[in-house]
């Protein structure tokens, strides 16, 4: 089975994020970047499918600058066979990024394309479905369970209030959700081997953006909590504040 996994370099969720001086972007000074957590589930699932099949290959692709090589090597250390860096910058417009990825995938052999369901930096939840549409592939997003039997795929995906079962024939595209698996940690041996694995570089150019960032704003500061009293005597005051101030009852 030949599997392609699309990944992204994103700020660590534990990093402190601040606005850049231009007010239109994020200040990356001192920010730690990691492999997008949802993409880790996609990489792990690709490796599990390859192992179950007994043969095949797993490739990872990302669109980014030289700094994205670190992200690709993380995937290689997990057990991926080869990596491709599309040299160019992603766009705040998901379609622009999807076009670059689809163009790169189109010229390669594959049975299955895997994504994380979304990137934790922009949370667009757009690119996987857009790539599937551009490639003319059947697609299942937010997938929590996946079975591949020969050329038949059965995917269980989360929907509001329940689950949905999607079935299709390969080739196809899956976007992984938390719960699909438990991603493995790169071993020391895997980290050393990653340095010797193929990492192809392709000049892809920057993704087109049809959107304009007007302003980047910090989230509102949460108001401090209030203690209105203790025990049953505090109930009337609590009810009054919920009704008159919070306006929730």
Protein backbone atom coordinates (compact mmCIF):
# COMPACT_ATOMS: atom_id res chain seq x y z
CA UNK A 1 0.00 0.00 0.00
CA UNK A 2 1.32 3.43 -0.99
CA UNK A 3 0.26 6.15 1.43
CA UNK A 4 0.88 9.89 1.38
CA UNK A 5 0.47 11.93 4.57
CA UNK A 6 0.22 15.72 4.41
CA UNK A 7 1.56 17.44 7.53
CA UNK A 8 2.10 20.96 8.82
CA UNK A 9 4.53 22.75 11.12
CA UNK A 10 2.59 24.60 13.83
CA UNK A 11 3.33 26.43 17.10
CA UNK A 12 3.33 24.19 20.16
CA UNK A 13 -0.01 24.55 21.95
CA UNK A 14 1.87 25.32 25.18
CA UNK A 15 3.76 28.27 23.66
CA UNK A 16 2.85 31.81 24.60
CA UNK A 17 1.58 33.49 21.45
CA UNK A 18 1.91 37.24 20.93
CA UNK A 19 1.04 39.58 18.08
CA UNK A 20 3.79 40.75 15.77
CA UNK A 21 4.49 44.48 15.56
CA UNK A 22 2.67 44.74 12.25
CA UNK A 23 -0.57 43.62 13.93
CA UNK A 24 -1.20 41.23 11.05
CA UNK A 25 0.69 38.12 12.15
CA UNK A 26 2.12 36.22 15.11
CA UNK A 27 5.51 36.98 16.63
CA UNK A 28 7.45 33.72 16.20
CA UNK A 29 10.40 34.82 18.33
CA UNK A 30 10.95 32.18 21.00
CA UNK A 31 7.97 30.08 19.88
CA UNK A 32 8.52 26.32 19.73
CA UNK A 33 7.16 24.64 16.58
CA UNK A 34 6.03 21.02 16.34
CA UNK A 35 4.36 18.53 14.02
CA UNK A 36 0.65 19.36 14.06
CA UNK A 37 -0.88 17.04 16.72
CA UNK A 38 -3.75 15.88 14.48
CA UNK A 39 -1.20 15.02 11.79
CA UNK A 40 0.48 12.69 14.28
CA UNK A 41 -2.66 10.54 14.20
CA UNK A 42 -2.51 10.51 10.40
CA UNK A 43 1.16 9.47 10.40
CA UNK A 44 0.53 6.73 12.96
CA UNK A 45 -2.43 5.36 11.01
CA UNK A 46 -0.39 5.29 7.81
CA UNK A 47 2.36 3.33 9.55
CA UNK A 48 -0.16 0.88 11.03
CA UNK A 49 -1.74 0.29 7.62
CA UNK A 50 1.64 -0.34 6.04
CA UNK A 51 2.60 -2.75 8.82
CA UNK A 52 -0.70 -4.61 8.50
CA UNK A 53 -0.27 -4.91 4.73
CA UNK A 54 3.27 -6.22 5.14
CA UNK A 55 4.70 -3.99 2.43
CA UNK A 56 4.28 -0.62 0.76
CA UNK A 57 5.54 2.86 1.54
CA UNK A 58 4.59 5.94 3.56
CA UNK A 59 5.58 9.41 2.36
CA UNK A 60 5.03 12.75 4.09
CA UNK A 61 4.58 16.06 2.31
CA UNK A 62 4.54 19.58 3.67
CA UNK A 63 4.42 23.08 2.22
CA UNK A 64 6.82 25.44 3.96
CA UNK A 65 10.30 26.88 4.28
CA UNK A 66 13.62 25.34 5.33
CA UNK A 67 12.43 25.27 8.93
CA UNK A 68 9.78 22.68 7.97
CA UNK A 69 12.51 20.06 7.47
CA UNK A 70 12.51 19.58 11.25
CA UNK A 71 8.82 18.67 11.11
CA UNK A 72 9.41 16.20 8.28
CA UNK A 73 12.27 14.57 10.19
CA UNK A 74 9.94 14.03 13.14
CA UNK A 75 7.68 12.00 10.86
CA UNK A 76 10.68 10.16 9.40
CA UNK A 77 11.81 9.29 12.93
CA UNK A 78 8.38 7.81 13.64
CA UNK A 79 8.96 5.35 10.78
CA UNK A 80 7.93 7.13 7.58
CA UNK A 81 9.98 6.07 4.53
CA UNK A 82 10.50 9.37 2.72
CA UNK A 83 9.63 13.05 2.89
CA UNK A 84 8.93 15.84 0.42
CA UNK A 85 9.34 19.54 1.20
CA UNK A 86 7.33 21.77 -1.11
CA UNK A 87 9.39 24.94 -0.79
CA UNK A 88 6.92 27.80 -0.45
CA UNK A 89 4.67 29.35 2.15
CA UNK A 90 1.17 28.15 3.06
CA UNK A 91 -1.66 30.65 2.86
CA UNK A 92 -4.30 31.85 5.29
CA UNK A 93 -6.58 30.90 2.42
CA UNK A 94 -6.99 27.12 2.73
CA UNK A 95 -7.70 26.75 -0.99
CA UNK A 96 -4.30 28.16 -1.92
CA UNK A 97 -2.55 25.59 0.27
CA UNK A 98 -4.81 22.80 -1.00
CA UNK A 99 -3.93 23.66 -4.61
CA UNK A 100 -0.20 23.34 -3.93
CA UNK A 101 -0.62 20.01 -2.13
CA UNK A 102 -2.97 18.59 -4.75
CA UNK A 103 -0.59 19.58 -7.54
CA UNK A 104 2.27 17.75 -5.80
CA UNK A 105 0.21 14.64 -5.02
CA UNK A 106 -1.24 14.40 -8.52
CA UNK A 107 2.09 13.41 -10.04
CA UNK A 108 2.80 10.62 -7.52
CA UNK A 109 1.56 7.07 -7.08
CA UNK A 110 -0.69 6.51 -4.08
CA UNK A 111 -3.57 4.43 -2.77
CA UNK A 112 -4.52 6.58 0.21
CA UNK A 113 -3.92 10.18 1.27
CA UNK A 114 -4.05 11.01 4.96
CA UNK A 115 -4.36 14.33 6.80
CA UNK A 116 -4.98 15.43 10.34
CA UNK A 117 -8.52 16.78 10.55
CA UNK A 118 -7.20 20.34 10.99
CA UNK A 119 -4.11 22.38 11.87
CA UNK A 120 -4.16 23.80 15.41
CA UNK A 121 -2.79 27.19 14.34
CA UNK A 122 -5.55 28.40 12.00
CA UNK A 123 -8.24 25.75 12.76
CA UNK A 124 -9.71 26.12 9.28
CA UNK A 125 -10.75 22.46 8.90
CA UNK A 126 -10.73 23.03 5.13
CA UNK A 127 -7.63 21.71 3.40
CA UNK A 128 -8.27 17.92 3.48
CA UNK A 129 -11.69 18.17 1.84
CA UNK A 130 -10.41 20.73 -0.69
CA UNK A 131 -7.51 18.46 -1.70
CA UNK A 132 -9.94 15.55 -2.10
CA UNK A 133 -12.15 17.66 -4.36
CA UNK A 134 -9.20 18.87 -6.44
CA UNK A 135 -7.98 15.28 -6.91
CA UNK A 136 -11.47 13.85 -7.47
CA UNK A 137 -11.13 11.49 -4.50
CA UNK A 138 -13.77 10.14 -2.10
CA UNK A 139 -13.19 11.68 1.31
CA UNK A 140 -14.03 11.09 4.98
CA UNK A 141 -13.08 13.68 7.59
CA UNK A 142 -12.99 13.64 11.42
CA UNK A 143 -12.32 9.89 11.30
CA UNK A 144 -12.05 7.99 14.60
CA UNK A 145 -11.93 4.44 13.21
CA UNK A 146 -10.55 3.14 9.92
CA UNK A 147 -10.58 -0.26 8.24
CA UNK A 148 -8.97 -1.07 4.90
CA UNK A 149 -9.75 -4.47 3.41
CA UNK A 150 -8.12 -4.88 0.03
CA UNK A 151 -9.41 -1.92 -1.93
CA UNK A 152 -12.42 -1.27 0.32
CA UNK A 153 -12.34 1.43 3.00
CA UNK A 154 -14.74 1.73 5.93
CA UNK A 155 -14.36 4.90 8.02
CA UNK A 156 -16.23 5.90 11.17
CA UNK A 157 -16.43 9.67 11.54
CA UNK A 158 -17.70 11.90 14.32
CA UNK A 159 -20.87 13.89 13.68
CA UNK A 160 -22.93 15.91 16.11
CA UNK A 161 -24.79 13.53 18.39
CA UNK A 162 -23.31 10.32 17.01
CA UNK A 163 -21.18 8.65 14.36
CA UNK A 164 -21.41 8.18 10.61
CA UNK A 165 -20.09 5.22 8.61
CA UNK A 166 -18.52 6.05 5.24
CA UNK A 167 -17.52 3.40 2.71
CA UNK A 168 -15.58 3.85 -0.51
CA UNK A 169 -13.05 2.18 -2.81
CA UNK A 170 -9.39 3.18 -3.01
CA UNK A 171 -7.88 5.57 -3.90
CA UNK A 172 -9.31 7.97 -1.34
CA UNK A 173 -8.57 10.53 1.35
CA UNK A 174 -8.97 10.39 5.13
CA UNK A 175 -8.67 13.18 7.72
CA UNK A 176 -7.81 11.81 11.18
CA UNK A 177 -9.42 12.80 14.48
CA UNK A 178 -8.12 12.27 18.01
CA UNK A 179 -9.00 8.76 19.13
CA UNK A 180 -8.15 7.08 15.83
CA UNK A 181 -4.98 5.68 17.44
CA UNK A 182 -2.21 6.47 19.90
CA UNK A 183 0.77 8.00 18.04
CA UNK A 184 4.12 6.39 18.73
CA UNK A 185 7.12 8.30 20.03
CA UNK A 186 10.20 8.40 17.79
CA UNK A 187 12.83 6.01 19.16
CA UNK A 188 16.53 6.88 19.35
CA UNK A 189 17.12 4.40 16.53
CA UNK A 190 14.36 6.06 14.49
CA UNK A 191 15.84 9.51 15.07
CA UNK A 192 19.25 8.33 13.86
CA UNK A 193 17.76 6.57 10.82
CA UNK A 194 15.73 9.67 9.92
CA UNK A 195 18.94 11.51 9.05
CA UNK A 196 19.65 9.00 6.27
CA UNK A 197 16.15 8.77 4.77
CA UNK A 198 15.28 10.59 1.51
CA UNK A 199 14.07 14.19 1.89
CA UNK A 200 13.16 15.60 -1.50
CA UNK A 201 12.91 19.36 -2.04
CA UNK A 202 10.61 20.81 -4.69
CA UNK A 203 10.28 24.51 -5.54
CA UNK A 204 6.52 24.93 -5.28
CA UNK A 205 6.21 28.67 -4.74
CA UNK A 206 3.98 30.42 -2.21
CA UNK A 207 0.33 29.48 -2.02
CA UNK A 208 -2.10 32.01 -3.48
CA UNK A 209 -4.22 33.86 -0.97
CA UNK A 210 -7.65 35.18 -1.87
CA UNK A 211 -8.09 36.40 1.69
CA UNK A 212 -6.58 39.43 3.42
CA UNK A 213 -5.68 39.55 7.11
CA UNK A 214 -7.04 42.84 8.40
CA UNK A 215 -6.06 42.49 12.05
CA UNK A 216 -4.79 39.94 14.55
CA UNK A 217 -6.32 40.35 18.01
CA UNK A 218 -5.63 38.80 21.38
CA UNK A 219 -8.56 36.99 22.98
CA UNK A 220 -10.37 39.04 25.65
CA UNK A 221 -8.93 38.77 29.14
CA UNK A 222 -11.09 36.66 31.40
CA UNK A 223 -12.65 38.46 34.33
CA UNK A 224 -11.49 37.33 37.76
CA UNK A 225 -13.70 34.83 39.55
CA UNK A 226 -15.91 35.93 42.42
CA UNK A 227 -16.71 34.21 45.71
CA UNK A 228 -20.21 35.23 46.76
CA UNK A 229 -20.29 33.35 50.04
CA UNK A 230 -20.47 29.86 51.46
CA UNK A 231 -23.21 27.29 51.84
CA UNK A 232 -26.93 27.86 51.44
CA UNK A 233 -26.65 31.52 52.50
CA UNK A 234 -24.77 32.28 49.25
CA UNK A 235 -27.53 30.96 46.96
CA UNK A 236 -29.68 34.14 46.75
CA UNK A 237 -26.67 36.30 45.87
CA UNK A 238 -25.43 33.74 43.37
CA UNK A 239 -28.85 33.62 41.66
CA UNK A 240 -29.00 37.43 41.56
CA UNK A 241 -25.59 37.67 39.88
CA UNK A 242 -26.43 34.97 37.36
CA UNK A 243 -29.68 36.76 36.51
CA UNK A 244 -28.72 40.44 36.64
CA UNK A 245 -25.02 40.41 35.74
CA UNK A 246 -24.23 37.27 33.79
CA UNK A 247 -27.69 37.23 32.14
CA UNK A 248 -27.72 33.44 31.95
CA UNK A 249 -31.00 32.83 33.80
